[in-house]
Amino acid sequence: TVNKANMTHDMVLKTGIFNLSILTEASKFDVYQRFG
């Protein structure tokens, strides 16, 4: 599921594809800021 208020929602609807990166516990907060 994707929240309709999230820009990802429109991108998934428009392109018909999804891409998901599953982060690790070692990920730093700046990775979330830049990608999540």
ModelCIF file with pLDDT and N, C-alpha, C, O atoms, coordinates in Angstrom:
data_MODEL
#
_entry.id   MODEL 
#
_entity.id                         1 
_entity.type                       polymer 
_entity.pdbx_number_of_molecules   1 
#
_entity_poly.entity_id                      1 
_entity_poly.type                           'polypeptide(L)' 
_entity_poly.nstd_linkage                   no 
_entity_poly.nstd_monomer                   no 
_entity_poly.pdbx_seq_one_letter_code       TVNKANMTHDMVLKTGIFNLSILTEASKFDVYQRFG 
_entity_poly.pdbx_seq_one_letter_code_can   TVNKANMTHDMVLKTGIFNLSILTEASKFDVYQRFG 
_entity_poly.pdbx_strand_id                 A 
#
loop_
_entity_poly_seq.entity_id 
_entity_poly_seq.num 
_entity_poly_seq.mon_id 
_entity_poly_seq.hetero 
1 1  THR n 
1 2  VAL n 
1 3  ASN n 
1 4  LYS n 
1 5  ALA n 
1 6  ASN n 
1 7  MET n 
1 8  THR n 
1 9  HIS n 
1 10 ASP n 
1 11 MET n 
1 12 VAL n 
1 13 LEU n 
1 14 LYS n 
1 15 THR n 
1 16 GLY n 
1 17 ILE n 
1 18 PHE n 
1 19 ASN n 
1 20 LEU n 
1 21 SER n 
1 22 ILE n 
1 23 LEU n 
1 24 THR n 
1 25 GLU n 
1 26 ALA n 
1 27 SER n 
1 28 LYS n 
1 29 PHE n 
1 30 ASP n 
1 31 VAL n 
1 32 TYR n 
1 33 GLN n 
1 34 ARG n 
1 35 PHE n 
1 36 GLY n 
#
_struct_asym.id          A 
_struct_asym.entity_id   1 
#
loop_
_ma_qa_metric.id 
_ma_qa_metric.mode 
_ma_qa_metric.name 
_ma_qa_metric.software_group_id 
_ma_qa_metric.type 
1 global pLDDT . pLDDT 
2 local  pLDDT . pLDDT 
#
_ma_qa_metric_global.metric_id      1 
_ma_qa_metric_global.metric_value   80.50 
_ma_qa_metric_global.model_id       1 
_ma_qa_metric_global.ordinal_id     1 
#
loop_
_ma_qa_metric_local.label_asym_id 
_ma_qa_metric_local.label_comp_id 
_ma_qa_metric_local.label_seq_id 
_ma_qa_metric_local.metric_id 
_ma_qa_metric_local.metric_value 
_ma_qa_metric_local.model_id 
_ma_qa_metric_local.ordinal_id 
A THR 1  2 86.00 1 1  
A VAL 2  2 85.00 1 2  
A ASN 3  2 84.00 1 3  
A LYS 4  2 86.00 1 4  
A ALA 5  2 83.00 1 5  
A ASN 6  2 79.00 1 6  
A MET 7  2 75.00 1 7  
A THR 8  2 78.00 1 8  
A HIS 9  2 86.00 1 9  
A ASP 10 2 86.00 1 10 
A MET 11 2 84.00 1 11 
A VAL 12 2 87.00 1 12 
A LEU 13 2 89.00 1 13 
A LYS 14 2 89.00 1 14 
A THR 15 2 88.00 1 15 
A GLY 16 2 91.00 1 16 
A ILE 17 2 87.00 1 17 
A PHE 18 2 84.00 1 18 
A ASN 19 2 80.00 1 19 
A LEU 20 2 80.00 1 20 
A SER 21 2 79.00 1 21 
A ILE 22 2 83.00 1 22 
A LEU 23 2 85.00 1 23 
A THR 24 2 87.00 1 24 
A GLU 25 2 88.00 1 25 
A ALA 26 2 85.00 1 26 
A SER 27 2 81.00 1 27 
A LYS 28 2 79.00 1 28 
A PHE 29 2 79.00 1 29 
A ASP 30 2 74.00 1 30 
A VAL 31 2 73.00 1 31 
A TYR 32 2 71.00 1 32 
A GLN 33 2 68.00 1 33 
A ARG 34 2 64.00 1 34 
A PHE 35 2 61.00 1 35 
A GLY 36 2 54.00 1 36 
#
loop_
_atom_site.group_PDB 
_atom_site.id 
_atom_site.type_symbol 
_atom_site.label_atom_id 
_atom_site.label_alt_id 
_atom_site.label_comp_id 
_atom_site.label_asym_id 
_atom_site.label_entity_id 
_atom_site.label_seq_id 
_atom_site.pdbx_PDB_ins_code 
_atom_site.Cartn_x 
_atom_site.Cartn_y 
_atom_site.Cartn_z 
_atom_site.occupancy 
_atom_site.B_iso_or_equiv 
_atom_site.pdbx_formal_charge 
_atom_site.auth_seq_id 
_atom_site.auth_comp_id 
_atom_site.auth_asym_id 
_atom_site.auth_atom_id 
_atom_site.pdbx_PDB_model_num 
ATOM 1   N N  . THR A 1 1  ? 0.841  -1.197 0.000   1.00 86.00 ? 1  THR A N  1 
ATOM 2   C CA . THR A 1 1  ? 0.000  0.000  0.000   1.00 86.00 ? 1  THR A CA 1 
ATOM 3   C C  . THR A 1 1  ? 0.875  1.246  0.000   1.00 86.00 ? 1  THR A C  1 
ATOM 4   O O  . THR A 1 1  ? 1.973  1.251  0.555   1.00 86.00 ? 1  THR A O  1 
ATOM 5   N N  . VAL A 1 2  ? 0.375  2.288  -0.625  1.00 85.00 ? 2  VAL A N  1 
ATOM 6   C CA . VAL A 1 2  ? 1.083  3.569  -0.660  1.00 85.00 ? 2  VAL A CA 1 
ATOM 7   C C  . VAL A 1 2  ? 0.082  4.667  -0.327  1.00 85.00 ? 2  VAL A C  1 
ATOM 8   O O  . VAL A 1 2  ? -1.026 4.697  -0.861  1.00 85.00 ? 2  VAL A O  1 
ATOM 9   N N  . ASN A 1 3  ? 0.485  5.569  0.562   1.00 84.00 ? 3  ASN A N  1 
ATOM 10  C CA . ASN A 1 3  ? -0.328 6.720  0.930   1.00 84.00 ? 3  ASN A CA 1 
ATOM 11  C C  . ASN A 1 3  ? -0.502 7.614  -0.298  1.00 84.00 ? 3  ASN A C  1 
ATOM 12  O O  . ASN A 1 3  ? 0.477  7.939  -0.970  1.00 84.00 ? 3  ASN A O  1 
ATOM 13  N N  . LYS A 1 4  ? -1.730 8.009  -0.593  1.00 86.00 ? 4  LYS A N  1 
ATOM 14  C CA . LYS A 1 4  ? -1.998 8.842  -1.769  1.00 86.00 ? 4  LYS A CA 1 
ATOM 15  C C  . LYS A 1 4  ? -1.341 10.211 -1.670  1.00 86.00 ? 4  LYS A C  1 
ATOM 16  O O  . LYS A 1 4  ? -1.088 10.843 -2.696  1.00 86.00 ? 4  LYS A O  1 
ATOM 17  N N  . ALA A 1 5  ? -1.059 10.682 -0.465  1.00 83.00 ? 5  ALA A N  1 
ATOM 18  C CA . ALA A 1 5  ? -0.428 11.987 -0.286  1.00 83.00 ? 5  ALA A CA 1 
ATOM 19  C C  . ALA A 1 5  ? 1.067  11.941 -0.594  1.00 83.00 ? 5  ALA A C  1 
ATOM 20  O O  . ALA A 1 5  ? 1.707  12.986 -0.704  1.00 83.00 ? 5  ALA A O  1 
ATOM 21  N N  . ASN A 1 6  ? 1.628  10.740 -0.732  1.00 79.00 ? 6  ASN A N  1 
ATOM 22  C CA . ASN A 1 6  ? 3.056  10.574 -1.007  1.00 79.00 ? 6  ASN A CA 1 
ATOM 23  C C  . ASN A 1 6  ? 3.294  10.674 -2.510  1.00 79.00 ? 6  ASN A C  1 
ATOM 24  O O  . ASN A 1 6  ? 2.530  10.116 -3.297  1.00 79.00 ? 6  ASN A O  1 
ATOM 25  N N  . MET A 1 7  ? 4.351  11.381 -2.913  1.00 75.00 ? 7  MET A N  1 
ATOM 26  C CA . MET A 1 7  ? 4.647  11.531 -4.341  1.00 75.00 ? 7  MET A CA 1 
ATOM 27  C C  . MET A 1 7  ? 4.916  10.187 -5.008  1.00 75.00 ? 7  MET A C  1 
ATOM 28  O O  . MET A 1 7  ? 4.700  10.042 -6.211  1.00 75.00 ? 7  MET A O  1 
ATOM 29  N N  . THR A 1 8  ? 5.380  9.209  -4.248  1.00 78.00 ? 8  THR A N  1 
ATOM 30  C CA . THR A 1 8  ? 5.637  7.879  -4.794  1.00 78.00 ? 8  THR A CA 1 
ATOM 31  C C  . THR A 1 8  ? 4.358  7.275  -5.361  1.00 78.00 ? 8  THR A C  1 
ATOM 32  O O  . THR A 1 8  ? 4.398  6.550  -6.356  1.00 78.00 ? 8  THR A O  1 
ATOM 33  N N  . HIS A 1 9  ? 3.231  7.572  -4.735  1.00 86.00 ? 9  HIS A N  1 
ATOM 34  C CA . HIS A 1 9  ? 1.950  7.024  -5.174  1.00 86.00 ? 9  HIS A CA 1 
ATOM 35  C C  . HIS A 1 9  ? 1.677  7.378  -6.640  1.00 86.00 ? 9  HIS A C  1 
ATOM 36  O O  . HIS A 1 9  ? 1.343  6.506  -7.442  1.00 86.00 ? 9  HIS A O  1 
ATOM 37  N N  . ASP A 1 10 ? 1.821  8.654  -6.980  1.00 86.00 ? 10 ASP A N  1 
ATOM 38  C CA . ASP A 1 10 ? 1.560  9.096  -8.353  1.00 86.00 ? 10 ASP A CA 1 
ATOM 39  C C  . ASP A 1 10 ? 2.547  8.486  -9.337  1.00 86.00 ? 10 ASP A C  1 
ATOM 40  O O  . ASP A 1 10 ? 2.178  8.143  -10.460 1.00 86.00 ? 10 ASP A O  1 
ATOM 41  N N  . MET A 1 11 ? 3.808  8.352  -8.914  1.00 84.00 ? 11 MET A N  1 
ATOM 42  C CA . MET A 1 11 ? 4.830  7.781  -9.783  1.00 84.00 ? 11 MET A CA 1 
ATOM 43  C C  . MET A 1 11 ? 4.517  6.310  -10.095 1.00 84.00 ? 11 MET A C  1 
ATOM 44  O O  . MET A 1 11 ? 4.653  5.878  -11.239 1.00 84.00 ? 11 MET A O  1 
ATOM 45  N N  . VAL A 1 12 ? 4.099  5.544  -9.081  1.00 87.00 ? 12 VAL A N  1 
ATOM 46  C CA . VAL A 1 12 ? 3.769  4.134  -9.284  1.00 87.00 ? 12 VAL A CA 1 
ATOM 47  C C  . VAL A 1 12 ? 2.556  4.009  -10.215 1.00 87.00 ? 12 VAL A C  1 
ATOM 48  O O  . VAL A 1 12 ? 2.546  3.165  -11.110 1.00 87.00 ? 12 VAL A O  1 
ATOM 49  N N  . LEU A 1 13 ? 1.537  4.850  -10.003 1.00 89.00 ? 13 LEU A N  1 
ATOM 50  C CA . LEU A 1 13 ? 0.355  4.816  -10.882 1.00 89.00 ? 13 LEU A CA 1 
ATOM 51  C C  . LEU A 1 13 ? 0.720  5.157  -12.325 1.00 89.00 ? 13 LEU A C  1 
ATOM 52  O O  . LEU A 1 13 ? 0.253  4.505  -13.259 1.00 89.00 ? 13 LEU A O  1 
ATOM 53  N N  . LYS A 1 14 ? 1.551  6.178  -12.503 1.00 89.00 ? 14 LYS A N  1 
ATOM 54  C CA . LYS A 1 14 ? 1.895  6.653  -13.843 1.00 89.00 ? 14 LYS A CA 1 
ATOM 55  C C  . LYS A 1 14 ? 2.756  5.652  -14.606 1.00 89.00 ? 14 LYS A C  1 
ATOM 56  O O  . LYS A 1 14 ? 2.508  5.394  -15.784 1.00 89.00 ? 14 LYS A O  1 
ATOM 57  N N  . THR A 1 15 ? 3.766  5.088  -13.947 1.00 88.00 ? 15 THR A N  1 
ATOM 58  C CA . THR A 1 15 ? 4.717  4.212  -14.630 1.00 88.00 ? 15 THR A CA 1 
ATOM 59  C C  . THR A 1 15 ? 4.279  2.754  -14.665 1.00 88.00 ? 15 THR A C  1 
ATOM 60  O O  . THR A 1 15 ? 4.668  2.012  -15.567 1.00 88.00 ? 15 THR A O  1 
ATOM 61  N N  . GLY A 1 16 ? 3.464  2.335  -13.680 1.00 91.00 ? 16 GLY A N  1 
ATOM 62  C CA . GLY A 1 16 ? 3.055  0.937  -13.619 1.00 91.00 ? 16 GLY A CA 1 
ATOM 63  C C  . GLY A 1 16 ? 4.116  0.010  -13.064 1.00 91.00 ? 16 GLY A C  1 
ATOM 64  O O  . GLY A 1 16 ? 3.980  -1.212 -13.129 1.00 91.00 ? 16 GLY A O  1 
ATOM 65  N N  . ILE A 1 17 ? 5.183  0.595  -12.512 1.00 87.00 ? 17 ILE A N  1 
ATOM 66  C CA . ILE A 1 17 ? 6.237  -0.214 -11.897 1.00 87.00 ? 17 ILE A CA 1 
ATOM 67  C C  . ILE A 1 17 ? 6.523  0.295  -10.489 1.00 87.00 ? 17 ILE A C  1 
ATOM 68  O O  . ILE A 1 17 ? 6.230  1.446  -10.166 1.00 87.00 ? 17 ILE A O  1 
ATOM 69  N N  . PHE A 1 18 ? 7.092  -0.561 -9.663  1.00 84.00 ? 18 PHE A N  1 
ATOM 70  C CA . PHE A 1 18 ? 7.531  -0.116 -8.343  1.00 84.00 ? 18 PHE A CA 1 
ATOM 71  C C  . PHE A 1 18 ? 8.941  -0.625 -8.110  1.00 84.00 ? 18 PHE A C  1 
ATOM 72  O O  . PHE A 1 18 ? 9.356  -1.647 -8.656  1.00 84.00 ? 18 PHE A O  1 
ATOM 73  N N  . ASN A 1 19 ? 9.657  0.107  -7.292  1.00 80.00 ? 19 ASN A N  1 
ATOM 74  C CA . ASN A 1 19 ? 11.015 -0.264 -6.907  1.00 80.00 ? 19 ASN A CA 1 
ATOM 75  C C  . ASN A 1 19 ? 11.135 -0.022 -5.415  1.00 80.00 ? 19 ASN A C  1 
ATOM 76  O O  . ASN A 1 19 ? 10.749 1.035  -4.916  1.00 80.00 ? 19 ASN A O  1 
ATOM 77  N N  . LEU A 1 20 ? 11.663 -0.985 -4.719  1.00 80.00 ? 20 LEU A N  1 
ATOM 78  C CA . LEU A 1 20 ? 11.758 -0.893 -3.267  1.00 80.00 ? 20 LEU A CA 1 
ATOM 79  C C  . LEU A 1 20 ? 13.154 -1.272 -2.808  1.00 80.00 ? 20 LEU A C  1 
ATOM 80  O O  . LEU A 1 20 ? 13.657 -2.343 -3.147  1.00 80.00 ? 20 LEU A O  1 
ATOM 81  N N  . SER A 1 21 ? 13.777 -0.396 -2.037  1.00 79.00 ? 21 SER A N  1 
ATOM 82  C CA . SER A 1 21 ? 15.065 -0.688 -1.414  1.00 79.00 ? 21 SER A CA 1 
ATOM 83  C C  . SER A 1 21 ? 14.804 -0.974 0.055   1.00 79.00 ? 21 SER A C  1 
ATOM 84  O O  . SER A 1 21 ? 14.218 -0.145 0.751   1.00 79.00 ? 21 SER A O  1 
ATOM 85  N N  . ILE A 1 22 ? 15.228 -2.129 0.533   1.00 83.00 ? 22 ILE A N  1 
ATOM 86  C CA . ILE A 1 22 ? 15.047 -2.484 1.936   1.00 83.00 ? 22 ILE A CA 1 
ATOM 87  C C  . ILE A 1 22 ? 16.346 -2.156 2.666   1.00 83.00 ? 22 ILE A C  1 
ATOM 88  O O  . ILE A 1 22 ? 17.379 -2.786 2.438   1.00 83.00 ? 22 ILE A O  1 
ATOM 89  N N  . LEU A 1 23 ? 16.275 -1.167 3.541   1.00 85.00 ? 23 LEU A N  1 
ATOM 90  C CA . LEU A 1 23 ? 17.476 -0.701 4.233   1.00 85.00 ? 23 LEU A CA 1 
ATOM 91  C C  . LEU A 1 23 ? 17.835 -1.615 5.397   1.00 85.00 ? 23 LEU A C  1 
ATOM 92  O O  . LEU A 1 23 ? 17.008 -2.393 5.873   1.00 85.00 ? 23 LEU A O  1 
ATOM 93  N N  . THR A 1 24 ? 19.089 -1.508 5.848   1.00 87.00 ? 24 THR A N  1 
ATOM 94  C CA . THR A 1 24 ? 19.576 -2.324 6.955   1.00 87.00 ? 24 THR A CA 1 
ATOM 95  C C  . THR A 1 24 ? 19.572 -1.523 8.253   1.00 87.00 ? 24 THR A C  1 
ATOM 96  O O  . THR A 1 24 ? 19.409 -0.303 8.248   1.00 87.00 ? 24 THR A O  1 
ATOM 97  N N  . GLU A 1 25 ? 19.754 -2.229 9.350   1.00 88.00 ? 25 GLU A N  1 
ATOM 98  C CA . GLU A 1 25 ? 19.840 -1.565 10.654  1.00 88.00 ? 25 GLU A CA 1 
ATOM 99  C C  . GLU A 1 25 ? 21.055 -0.640 10.728  1.00 88.00 ? 25 GLU A C  1 
ATOM 100 O O  . GLU A 1 25 ? 21.078 0.285  11.541  1.00 88.00 ? 25 GLU A O  1 
ATOM 101 N N  . ALA A 1 26 ? 22.062 -0.880 9.889   1.00 85.00 ? 26 ALA A N  1 
ATOM 102 C CA . ALA A 1 26 ? 23.270 -0.053 9.906   1.00 85.00 ? 26 ALA A CA 1 
ATOM 103 C C  . ALA A 1 26 ? 23.100 1.255  9.133   1.00 85.00 ? 26 ALA A C  1 
ATOM 104 O O  . ALA A 1 26 ? 24.001 2.094  9.147   1.00 85.00 ? 26 ALA A O  1 
ATOM 105 N N  . SER A 1 27 ? 21.966 1.442  8.460   1.00 81.00 ? 27 SER A N  1 
ATOM 106 C CA . SER A 1 27 ? 21.747 2.663  7.683   1.00 81.00 ? 27 SER A CA 1 
ATOM 107 C C  . SER A 1 27 ? 21.746 3.893  8.589   1.00 81.00 ? 27 SER A C  1 
ATOM 108 O O  . SER A 1 27 ? 21.198 3.876  9.691   1.00 81.00 ? 27 SER A O  1 
ATOM 109 N N  . LYS A 1 28 ? 22.363 4.943  8.102   1.00 79.00 ? 28 LYS A N  1 
ATOM 110 C CA . LYS A 1 28 ? 22.421 6.198  8.842   1.00 79.00 ? 28 LYS A CA 1 
ATOM 111 C C  . LYS A 1 28 ? 21.180 7.033  8.525   1.00 79.00 ? 28 LYS A C  1 
ATOM 112 O O  . LYS A 1 28 ? 20.522 6.827  7.505   1.00 79.00 ? 28 LYS A O  1 
ATOM 113 N N  . PHE A 1 29 ? 20.873 7.980  9.417   1.00 79.00 ? 29 PHE A N  1 
ATOM 114 C CA . PHE A 1 29 ? 19.681 8.804  9.235   1.00 79.00 ? 29 PHE A CA 1 
ATOM 115 C C  . PHE A 1 29 ? 19.743 9.615  7.944   1.00 79.00 ? 29 PHE A C  1 
ATOM 116 O O  . PHE A 1 29 ? 18.705 9.869  7.334   1.00 79.00 ? 29 PHE A O  1 
ATOM 117 N N  . ASP A 1 30 ? 20.946 10.031 7.512   1.00 74.00 ? 30 ASP A N  1 
ATOM 118 C CA . ASP A 1 30 ? 21.032 10.835 6.291   1.00 74.00 ? 30 ASP A CA 1 
ATOM 119 C C  . ASP A 1 30 ? 20.593 10.038 5.065   1.00 74.00 ? 30 ASP A C  1 
ATOM 120 O O  . ASP A 1 30 ? 20.149 10.626 4.079   1.00 74.00 ? 30 ASP A O  1 
ATOM 121 N N  . VAL A 1 31 ? 20.709 8.710  5.108   1.00 73.00 ? 31 VAL A N  1 
ATOM 122 C CA . VAL A 1 31 ? 20.213 7.885  4.006   1.00 73.00 ? 31 VAL A CA 1 
ATOM 123 C C  . VAL A 1 31 ? 18.696 7.982  3.941   1.00 73.00 ? 31 VAL A C  1 
ATOM 124 O O  . VAL A 1 31 ? 18.125 8.070  2.854   1.00 73.00 ? 31 VAL A O  1 
ATOM 125 N N  . TYR A 1 32 ? 18.038 7.967  5.104   1.00 71.00 ? 32 TYR A N  1 
ATOM 126 C CA . TYR A 1 32 ? 16.577 8.117  5.139   1.00 71.00 ? 32 TYR A CA 1 
ATOM 127 C C  . TYR A 1 32 ? 16.171 9.497  4.643   1.00 71.00 ? 32 TYR A C  1 
ATOM 128 O O  . TYR A 1 32 ? 15.185 9.634  3.918   1.00 71.00 ? 32 TYR A O  1 
ATOM 129 N N  . GLN A 1 33 ? 16.923 10.511 5.029   1.00 68.00 ? 33 GLN A N  1 
ATOM 130 C CA . GLN A 1 33 ? 16.605 11.865 4.593   1.00 68.00 ? 33 GLN A CA 1 
ATOM 131 C C  . GLN A 1 33 ? 16.719 11.995 3.079   1.00 68.00 ? 33 GLN A C  1 
ATOM 132 O O  . GLN A 1 33 ? 15.888 12.645 2.445   1.00 68.00 ? 33 GLN A O  1 
ATOM 133 N N  . ARG A 1 34 ? 17.738 11.384 2.504   1.00 64.00 ? 34 ARG A N  1 
ATOM 134 C CA . ARG A 1 34 ? 17.977 11.543 1.070   1.00 64.00 ? 34 ARG A CA 1 
ATOM 135 C C  . ARG A 1 34 ? 17.134 10.618 0.215   1.00 64.00 ? 34 ARG A C  1 
ATOM 136 O O  . ARG A 1 34 ? 16.789 10.966 -0.914  1.00 64.00 ? 34 ARG A O  1 
ATOM 137 N N  . PHE A 1 35 ? 16.791 9.433  0.736   1.00 61.00 ? 35 PHE A N  1 
ATOM 138 C CA . PHE A 1 35 ? 16.094 8.458  -0.092  1.00 61.00 ? 35 PHE A CA 1 
ATOM 139 C C  . PHE A 1 35 ? 14.692 8.140  0.402   1.00 61.00 ? 35 PHE A C  1 
ATOM 140 O O  . PHE A 1 35 ? 13.805 7.863  -0.406  1.00 61.00 ? 35 PHE A O  1 
ATOM 141 N N  . GLY A 1 36 ? 14.473 8.175  1.711   1.00 54.00 ? 36 GLY A N  1 
ATOM 142 C CA . GLY A 1 36 ? 13.186 7.771  2.233   1.00 54.00 ? 36 GLY A CA 1 
ATOM 143 C C  . GLY A 1 36 ? 12.208 8.892  2.490   1.00 54.00 ? 36 GLY A C  1 
ATOM 144 O O  . GLY A 1 36 ? 11.088 8.644  2.935   1.00 54.00 ? 36 GLY A O  1 
#
